[in-house]
Amino acid sequence: MRETGLNARGLARITGVVPGTVYNYINPDIDRQIGFDFAYALLKKLGYNPFWLVFGEGEKRFPQKFLPRLTEGADTSYDHFEVIDKERFFQKQIEKAGIRDIIEKLIGMKRSEIRMFRVIFEKMYPRIDETSDQRISRSKQK
């Protein structure tokens, strides 16, 4: 943050998150990986390489001569690059978490097995963004 001259509130503003999210990313006591949208917003606004930010790979800064191609509003190449980078980012997250074998097993399952797995998984690991009341309401609807 020192390098950018921005505080958590400033970083939150340019990345579209709340300041608490920024604090969670920079707090060494909280193990929270920087999300793709946050990292990509820092690329577009400040030129930081999202893969360096999250995985420590590549150059710290994105080459300035290519940055306009990613940030020119309605330019379709920007959308194309973002989709490709999001897929690469997801692949890196899978590798880092060491869950490739689990995903390969899931891909090989029958549809009925996947439905059963999904029910069990969602019961064990409810979505973080839901309150318990929302989960109860959703489960009653099924």
N, C-alpha and C. Protein backbone atom coordinates (compact mmCIF):
# COMPACT_ATOMS: atom_id res chain seq x y z
N MET A 1 0.82 -1.19 0.00
CA MET A 1 0.00 0.00 0.00
C MET A 1 0.87 1.25 0.00
N ARG A 2 1.99 1.15 0.69
CA ARG A 2 2.89 2.32 0.73
C ARG A 2 3.30 2.74 -0.67
N GLU A 3 3.62 1.76 -1.49
CA GLU A 3 4.10 2.04 -2.84
C GLU A 3 3.06 2.78 -3.67
N THR A 4 1.80 2.47 -3.47
CA THR A 4 0.74 3.09 -4.27
C THR A 4 0.34 4.47 -3.75
N GLY A 5 0.67 4.74 -2.49
CA GLY A 5 0.25 6.00 -1.88
C GLY A 5 -1.21 5.99 -1.46
N LEU A 6 -1.83 4.80 -1.50
CA LEU A 6 -3.24 4.68 -1.13
C LEU A 6 -3.37 3.94 0.19
N ASN A 7 -4.40 4.28 0.94
CA ASN A 7 -4.71 3.50 2.14
C ASN A 7 -5.75 2.44 1.77
N ALA A 8 -6.20 1.68 2.75
CA ALA A 8 -7.17 0.61 2.48
C ALA A 8 -8.45 1.16 1.86
N ARG A 9 -8.89 2.30 2.33
CA ARG A 9 -10.11 2.91 1.78
C ARG A 9 -9.92 3.28 0.30
N GLY A 10 -8.76 3.82 -0.04
CA GLY A 10 -8.48 4.18 -1.42
C GLY A 10 -8.39 2.96 -2.32
N LEU A 11 -7.72 1.91 -1.85
CA LEU A 11 -7.65 0.67 -2.63
C LEU A 11 -9.04 0.06 -2.79
N ALA A 12 -9.83 0.11 -1.74
CA ALA A 12 -11.19 -0.42 -1.81
C ALA A 12 -12.01 0.33 -2.86
N ARG A 13 -11.87 1.63 -2.88
CA ARG A 13 -12.63 2.46 -3.83
C ARG A 13 -12.29 2.10 -5.28
N ILE A 14 -11.00 1.96 -5.59
CA ILE A 14 -10.64 1.70 -7.00
C ILE A 14 -10.85 0.25 -7.41
N THR A 15 -11.01 -0.65 -6.45
CA THR A 15 -11.21 -2.06 -6.79
C THR A 15 -12.64 -2.52 -6.61
N GLY A 16 -13.48 -1.67 -6.04
CA GLY A 16 -14.90 -2.01 -5.90
C GLY A 16 -15.22 -2.93 -4.73
N VAL A 17 -14.38 -2.93 -3.70
CA VAL A 17 -14.66 -3.73 -2.51
C VAL A 17 -14.79 -2.80 -1.31
N VAL A 18 -15.16 -3.37 -0.17
CA VAL A 18 -15.23 -2.56 1.06
C VAL A 18 -13.85 -2.56 1.71
N PRO A 19 -13.51 -1.53 2.49
CA PRO A 19 -12.19 -1.48 3.13
C PRO A 19 -11.85 -2.71 3.96
N GLY A 20 -12.85 -3.32 4.59
CA GLY A 20 -12.60 -4.53 5.38
C GLY A 20 -12.00 -5.66 4.56
N THR A 21 -12.40 -5.75 3.29
CA THR A 21 -11.83 -6.77 2.41
C THR A 21 -10.35 -6.52 2.20
N VAL A 22 -9.98 -5.28 1.98
CA VAL A 22 -8.56 -4.93 1.80
C VAL A 22 -7.78 -5.29 3.06
N TYR A 23 -8.32 -4.93 4.22
CA TYR A 23 -7.65 -5.27 5.48
C TYR A 23 -7.47 -6.79 5.62
N ASN A 24 -8.47 -7.55 5.22
CA ASN A 24 -8.36 -9.01 5.28
C ASN A 24 -7.26 -9.53 4.36
N TYR A 25 -7.10 -8.92 3.20
CA TYR A 25 -6.04 -9.35 2.28
C TYR A 25 -4.65 -9.05 2.83
N ILE A 26 -4.49 -7.93 3.51
CA ILE A 26 -3.15 -7.53 3.96
C ILE A 26 -2.81 -7.99 5.37
N ASN A 27 -3.79 -8.47 6.10
CA ASN A 27 -3.56 -8.92 7.48
C ASN A 27 -2.87 -10.28 7.48
N PRO A 28 -1.65 -10.38 8.03
CA PRO A 28 -0.94 -11.66 8.01
C PRO A 28 -1.59 -12.73 8.89
N ASP A 29 -2.47 -12.33 9.81
CA ASP A 29 -3.14 -13.30 10.67
C ASP A 29 -4.37 -13.93 10.02
N ILE A 30 -4.78 -13.39 8.88
CA ILE A 30 -5.95 -13.91 8.16
C ILE A 30 -5.46 -14.55 6.87
N ASP A 31 -5.77 -15.82 6.69
CA ASP A 31 -5.34 -16.54 5.49
C ASP A 31 -6.43 -16.41 4.43
N ARG A 32 -6.41 -15.30 3.71
CA ARG A 32 -7.40 -15.06 2.67
C ARG A 32 -6.70 -14.68 1.38
N GLN A 33 -6.93 -15.48 0.36
CA GLN A 33 -6.29 -15.23 -0.93
C GLN A 33 -6.97 -14.08 -1.64
N ILE A 34 -6.18 -13.26 -2.28
CA ILE A 34 -6.71 -12.14 -3.07
C ILE A 34 -7.54 -12.71 -4.21
N GLY A 35 -8.73 -12.16 -4.41
CA GLY A 35 -9.61 -12.62 -5.47
C GLY A 35 -9.22 -12.07 -6.83
N PHE A 36 -9.67 -12.75 -7.88
CA PHE A 36 -9.33 -12.36 -9.24
C PHE A 36 -9.81 -10.95 -9.56
N ASP A 37 -11.07 -10.64 -9.24
CA ASP A 37 -11.62 -9.34 -9.60
C ASP A 37 -10.84 -8.20 -8.94
N PHE A 38 -10.44 -8.39 -7.68
CA PHE A 38 -9.65 -7.39 -6.97
C PHE A 38 -8.29 -7.23 -7.65
N ALA A 39 -7.62 -8.35 -7.92
CA ALA A 39 -6.29 -8.30 -8.54
C ALA A 39 -6.36 -7.70 -9.94
N TYR A 40 -7.40 -8.03 -10.69
CA TYR A 40 -7.51 -7.50 -12.05
C TYR A 40 -7.83 -6.01 -12.04
N ALA A 41 -8.59 -5.57 -11.04
CA ALA A 41 -8.85 -4.13 -10.91
C ALA A 41 -7.55 -3.38 -10.63
N LEU A 42 -6.66 -3.98 -9.83
CA LEU A 42 -5.36 -3.35 -9.57
C LEU A 42 -4.51 -3.31 -10.83
N LEU A 43 -4.67 -4.30 -11.69
CA LEU A 43 -3.97 -4.28 -12.98
C LEU A 43 -4.47 -3.10 -13.81
N LYS A 44 -5.78 -2.99 -13.94
CA LYS A 44 -6.36 -1.95 -14.79
C LYS A 44 -6.10 -0.54 -14.25
N LYS A 45 -6.13 -0.39 -12.94
CA LYS A 45 -5.99 0.95 -12.35
C LYS A 45 -4.55 1.34 -12.05
N LEU A 46 -3.73 0.37 -11.59
CA LEU A 46 -2.37 0.71 -11.14
C LEU A 46 -1.26 -0.04 -11.87
N GLY A 47 -1.63 -1.00 -12.73
CA GLY A 47 -0.62 -1.70 -13.53
C GLY A 47 0.07 -2.87 -12.85
N TYR A 48 -0.48 -3.35 -11.71
CA TYR A 48 0.14 -4.49 -11.04
C TYR A 48 -0.29 -5.80 -11.69
N ASN A 49 0.66 -6.70 -11.87
CA ASN A 49 0.41 -8.01 -12.46
C ASN A 49 -0.39 -8.86 -11.47
N PRO A 50 -1.61 -9.30 -11.82
CA PRO A 50 -2.41 -10.08 -10.88
C PRO A 50 -1.76 -11.40 -10.49
N PHE A 51 -0.99 -11.99 -11.39
CA PHE A 51 -0.33 -13.26 -11.07
C PHE A 51 0.83 -13.05 -10.09
N TRP A 52 1.46 -11.91 -10.16
CA TRP A 52 2.50 -11.58 -9.18
C TRP A 52 1.85 -11.33 -7.82
N LEU A 53 0.74 -10.59 -7.81
CA LEU A 53 0.06 -10.27 -6.55
C LEU A 53 -0.38 -11.51 -5.79
N VAL A 54 -0.92 -12.47 -6.49
CA VAL A 54 -1.51 -13.63 -5.82
C VAL A 54 -0.55 -14.80 -5.70
N PHE A 55 0.19 -15.08 -6.77
CA PHE A 55 1.03 -16.28 -6.80
C PHE A 55 2.52 -16.00 -6.72
N GLY A 56 2.90 -14.71 -6.80
CA GLY A 56 4.31 -14.36 -6.77
C GLY A 56 5.04 -14.71 -8.05
N GLU A 57 4.30 -14.84 -9.15
CA GLU A 57 4.89 -15.24 -10.43
C GLU A 57 4.93 -14.06 -11.40
N GLY A 58 5.98 -14.02 -12.20
CA GLY A 58 6.10 -12.99 -13.22
C GLY A 58 6.61 -11.68 -12.65
N GLU A 59 6.55 -10.68 -13.49
CA GLU A 59 7.00 -9.34 -13.10
C GLU A 59 5.96 -8.68 -12.20
N LYS A 60 6.42 -7.82 -11.33
CA LYS A 60 5.54 -7.11 -10.41
C LYS A 60 4.56 -6.20 -11.17
N ARG A 61 5.07 -5.53 -12.16
CA ARG A 61 4.26 -4.59 -12.94
C ARG A 61 4.01 -5.16 -14.33
N PHE A 62 2.82 -4.91 -14.83
CA PHE A 62 2.48 -5.29 -16.18
C PHE A 62 3.18 -4.31 -17.12
N PRO A 63 3.75 -4.78 -18.24
CA PRO A 63 4.45 -3.87 -19.15
C PRO A 63 3.55 -2.71 -19.59
N GLN A 64 4.02 -1.50 -19.37
CA GLN A 64 3.24 -0.29 -19.65
C GLN A 64 2.79 -0.20 -21.11
N LYS A 65 3.59 -0.71 -22.03
CA LYS A 65 3.22 -0.58 -23.45
C LYS A 65 1.98 -1.41 -23.79
N PHE A 66 1.69 -2.46 -22.99
CA PHE A 66 0.52 -3.30 -23.26
C PHE A 66 -0.70 -2.90 -22.44
N LEU A 67 -0.50 -2.13 -21.39
CA LEU A 67 -1.60 -1.78 -20.50
C LEU A 67 -2.77 -1.09 -21.21
N PRO A 68 -2.54 -0.17 -22.15
CA PRO A 68 -3.69 0.45 -22.83
C PRO A 68 -4.59 -0.56 -23.54
N ARG A 69 -4.04 -1.66 -24.00
CA ARG A 69 -4.86 -2.68 -24.67
C ARG A 69 -5.84 -3.34 -23.71
N LEU A 70 -5.50 -3.35 -22.43
CA LEU A 70 -6.36 -3.98 -21.44
C LEU A 70 -7.37 -3.03 -20.84
N THR A 71 -7.13 -1.75 -20.96
CA THR A 71 -7.96 -0.79 -20.24
C THR A 71 -8.78 0.13 -21.13
N GLU A 72 -8.77 -0.09 -22.41
CA GLU A 72 -9.52 0.77 -23.31
C GLU A 72 -10.98 0.37 -23.33
N GLY A 73 -11.74 0.92 -22.43
CA GLY A 73 -13.19 0.75 -22.30
C GLY A 73 -13.86 -0.34 -23.08
N ALA A 74 -14.40 0.00 -24.25
CA ALA A 74 -15.24 -0.93 -25.00
C ALA A 74 -14.44 -1.86 -25.91
N ASP A 75 -13.14 -1.78 -25.89
CA ASP A 75 -12.32 -2.62 -26.75
C ASP A 75 -12.55 -4.09 -26.41
N THR A 76 -12.91 -4.89 -27.41
CA THR A 76 -13.22 -6.30 -27.15
C THR A 76 -11.99 -7.09 -26.75
N SER A 77 -10.79 -6.64 -27.12
CA SER A 77 -9.59 -7.38 -26.73
C SER A 77 -9.43 -7.38 -25.22
N TYR A 78 -9.88 -6.30 -24.57
CA TYR A 78 -9.83 -6.25 -23.11
C TYR A 78 -10.66 -7.38 -22.52
N ASP A 79 -11.89 -7.53 -22.99
CA ASP A 79 -12.75 -8.59 -22.48
C ASP A 79 -12.14 -9.96 -22.72
N HIS A 80 -11.55 -10.13 -23.90
CA HIS A 80 -10.93 -11.40 -24.25
C HIS A 80 -9.77 -11.72 -23.30
N PHE A 81 -8.91 -10.74 -23.06
CA PHE A 81 -7.78 -10.95 -22.15
C PHE A 81 -8.25 -11.27 -20.74
N GLU A 82 -9.30 -10.58 -20.30
CA GLU A 82 -9.79 -10.81 -18.94
C GLU A 82 -10.33 -12.23 -18.78
N VAL A 83 -11.04 -12.73 -19.78
CA VAL A 83 -11.57 -14.10 -19.73
C VAL A 83 -10.42 -15.10 -19.68
N ILE A 84 -9.42 -14.91 -20.52
CA ILE A 84 -8.27 -15.81 -20.54
C ILE A 84 -7.53 -15.77 -19.21
N ASP A 85 -7.29 -14.58 -18.69
CA ASP A 85 -6.59 -14.45 -17.42
C ASP A 85 -7.38 -15.07 -16.27
N LYS A 86 -8.70 -14.93 -16.31
CA LYS A 86 -9.54 -15.51 -15.25
C LYS A 86 -9.41 -17.03 -15.27
N GLU A 87 -9.39 -17.62 -16.45
CA GLU A 87 -9.22 -19.08 -16.56
C GLU A 87 -7.84 -19.51 -16.06
N ARG A 88 -6.80 -18.78 -16.44
CA ARG A 88 -5.44 -19.09 -15.97
C ARG A 88 -5.36 -18.95 -14.46
N PHE A 89 -5.99 -17.93 -13.93
CA PHE A 89 -6.01 -17.67 -12.49
C PHE A 89 -6.67 -18.85 -11.76
N PHE A 90 -7.80 -19.31 -12.29
CA PHE A 90 -8.52 -20.43 -11.69
C PHE A 90 -7.66 -21.69 -11.71
N GLN A 91 -6.98 -21.95 -12.84
CA GLN A 91 -6.08 -23.11 -12.93
C GLN A 91 -4.98 -23.03 -11.88
N LYS A 92 -4.41 -21.86 -11.69
CA LYS A 92 -3.35 -21.67 -10.69
C LYS A 92 -3.89 -21.93 -9.28
N GLN A 93 -5.12 -21.47 -9.01
CA GLN A 93 -5.72 -21.71 -7.70
C GLN A 93 -5.90 -23.20 -7.45
N ILE A 94 -6.33 -23.94 -8.46
CA ILE A 94 -6.50 -25.39 -8.34
C ILE A 94 -5.16 -26.05 -8.04
N GLU A 95 -4.13 -25.66 -8.79
CA GLU A 95 -2.79 -26.22 -8.57
C GLU A 95 -2.28 -25.90 -7.17
N LYS A 96 -2.43 -24.64 -6.75
CA LYS A 96 -1.93 -24.21 -5.45
C LYS A 96 -2.64 -24.94 -4.31
N ALA A 97 -3.95 -25.17 -4.46
CA ALA A 97 -4.72 -25.85 -3.42
C ALA A 97 -4.49 -27.36 -3.43
N GLY A 98 -3.90 -27.88 -4.50
CA GLY A 98 -3.64 -29.32 -4.58
C GLY A 98 -4.90 -30.15 -4.73
N ILE A 99 -5.87 -29.63 -5.49
CA ILE A 99 -7.15 -30.35 -5.62
C ILE A 99 -7.45 -30.81 -7.05
N ARG A 100 -6.44 -30.83 -7.89
CA ARG A 100 -6.66 -31.25 -9.28
C ARG A 100 -7.24 -32.67 -9.33
N ASP A 101 -6.71 -33.58 -8.50
CA ASP A 101 -7.20 -34.96 -8.52
C ASP A 101 -8.67 -35.04 -8.13
N ILE A 102 -9.10 -34.21 -7.20
CA ILE A 102 -10.50 -34.21 -6.78
C ILE A 102 -11.38 -33.72 -7.93
N ILE A 103 -10.95 -32.68 -8.60
CA ILE A 103 -11.73 -32.14 -9.72
C ILE A 103 -11.80 -33.15 -10.86
N GLU A 104 -10.70 -33.85 -11.12
CA GLU A 104 -10.72 -34.87 -12.17
C GLU A 104 -11.71 -35.98 -11.84
N LYS A 105 -11.79 -36.36 -10.56
CA LYS A 105 -12.78 -37.37 -10.14
C LYS A 105 -14.20 -36.85 -10.34
N LEU A 106 -14.43 -35.60 -9.99
CA LEU A 106 -15.76 -35.01 -10.16
C LEU A 106 -16.17 -35.00 -11.63
N ILE A 107 -15.24 -34.66 -12.49
CA ILE A 107 -15.54 -34.61 -13.93
C ILE A 107 -15.95 -35.98 -14.45
N GLY A 108 -15.37 -37.04 -13.88
CA GLY A 108 -15.68 -38.40 -14.33
C GLY A 108 -16.95 -38.99 -13.75
N MET A 109 -17.63 -38.28 -12.87
CA MET A 109 -18.84 -38.80 -12.23
C MET A 109 -20.06 -38.71 -13.14
N LYS A 110 -21.03 -39.60 -12.87
CA LYS A 110 -22.32 -39.53 -13.56
C LYS A 110 -23.09 -38.34 -13.02
N ARG A 111 -24.06 -37.87 -13.80
CA ARG A 111 -24.87 -36.72 -13.37
C ARG A 111 -25.55 -36.97 -12.03
N SER A 112 -26.08 -38.16 -11.85
CA SER A 112 -26.77 -38.46 -10.58
C SER A 112 -25.79 -38.42 -9.41
N GLU A 113 -24.56 -38.87 -9.63
CA GLU A 113 -23.55 -38.83 -8.57
C GLU A 113 -23.16 -37.38 -8.26
N ILE A 114 -23.09 -36.56 -9.29
CA ILE A 114 -22.75 -35.15 -9.09
C ILE A 114 -23.85 -34.45 -8.30
N ARG A 115 -25.12 -34.75 -8.62
CA ARG A 115 -26.23 -34.15 -7.87
C ARG A 115 -26.14 -34.54 -6.39
N MET A 116 -25.87 -35.81 -6.12
CA MET A 116 -25.75 -36.27 -4.75
C MET A 116 -24.56 -35.60 -4.06
N PHE A 117 -23.45 -35.53 -4.75
CA PHE A 117 -22.26 -34.88 -4.19
C PHE A 117 -22.56 -33.42 -3.85
N ARG A 118 -23.25 -32.73 -4.76
CA ARG A 118 -23.57 -31.32 -4.56
C ARG A 118 -24.43 -31.12 -3.30
N VAL A 119 -25.43 -31.98 -3.11
CA VAL A 119 -26.30 -31.88 -1.93
C VAL A 119 -25.48 -32.06 -0.66
N ILE A 120 -24.65 -33.10 -0.63
CA ILE A 120 -23.83 -33.37 0.56
C ILE A 120 -22.84 -32.24 0.80
N PHE A 121 -22.18 -31.79 -0.26
CA PHE A 121 -21.18 -30.73 -0.13
C PHE A 121 -21.81 -29.44 0.37
N GLU A 122 -22.96 -29.07 -0.18
CA GLU A 122 -23.61 -27.82 0.23
C GLU A 122 -24.13 -27.89 1.66
N LYS A 123 -24.50 -29.08 2.13
CA LYS A 123 -24.92 -29.23 3.53
C LYS A 123 -23.71 -29.06 4.45
N MET A 124 -22.58 -29.64 4.05
CA MET A 124 -21.38 -29.57 4.89
C MET A 124 -20.71 -28.21 4.83
N TYR A 125 -20.74 -27.58 3.67
CA TYR A 125 -20.04 -26.30 3.46
C TYR A 125 -20.99 -25.29 2.83
N PRO A 126 -21.90 -24.72 3.63
CA PRO A 126 -22.83 -23.73 3.08
C PRO A 126 -22.08 -22.50 2.59
N ARG A 127 -22.71 -21.80 1.68
CA ARG A 127 -22.09 -20.59 1.14
C ARG A 127 -21.83 -19.59 2.25
N ILE A 128 -20.66 -18.99 2.22
CA ILE A 128 -20.24 -18.04 3.25
C ILE A 128 -21.11 -16.79 3.24
N ASP A 129 -21.56 -16.38 2.06
CA ASP A 129 -22.29 -15.13 1.96
C ASP A 129 -23.75 -15.24 2.39
N GLU A 130 -24.18 -16.43 2.78
CA GLU A 130 -25.55 -16.61 3.25
C GLU A 130 -25.61 -16.58 4.77
N THR A 131 -26.68 -16.05 5.28
CA THR A 131 -26.92 -16.15 6.72
C THR A 131 -27.59 -17.49 6.98
N SER A 132 -27.63 -17.92 8.22
CA SER A 132 -28.28 -19.19 8.53
C SER A 132 -29.76 -19.14 8.17
N ASP A 133 -30.41 -17.98 8.32
CA ASP A 133 -31.82 -17.85 7.95
C ASP A 133 -32.02 -18.07 6.46
N GLN A 134 -31.10 -17.55 5.63
CA GLN A 134 -31.21 -17.73 4.18
C GLN A 134 -31.02 -19.20 3.82
N ARG A 135 -30.08 -19.88 4.49
CA ARG A 135 -29.85 -21.30 4.20
C ARG A 135 -31.08 -22.12 4.58
N ILE A 136 -31.68 -21.82 5.72
CA ILE A 136 -32.87 -22.55 6.16
C ILE A 136 -34.00 -22.32 5.18
N SER A 137 -34.20 -21.07 4.77
CA SER A 137 -35.24 -20.74 3.81
C SER A 137 -35.02 -21.46 2.49
N ARG A 138 -33.77 -21.48 2.02
CA ARG A 138 -33.45 -22.14 0.75
C ARG A 138 -33.68 -23.64 0.85
N SER A 139 -33.32 -24.26 1.98
CA SER A 139 -33.48 -25.71 2.13
C SER A 139 -34.96 -26.08 2.22
N LYS A 140 -35.82 -25.20 2.75
CA LYS A 140 -37.25 -25.47 2.83
C LYS A 140 -37.90 -25.40 1.45
N GLN A 141 -37.32 -24.60 0.55
CA GLN A 141 -37.86 -24.46 -0.80
C GLN A 141 -37.64 -25.70 -1.64
N LYS A 142 -36.65 -26.50 -1.29
CA LYS A 142 -36.31 -27.68 -2.10
C LYS A 142 -37.25 -28.80 -1.90
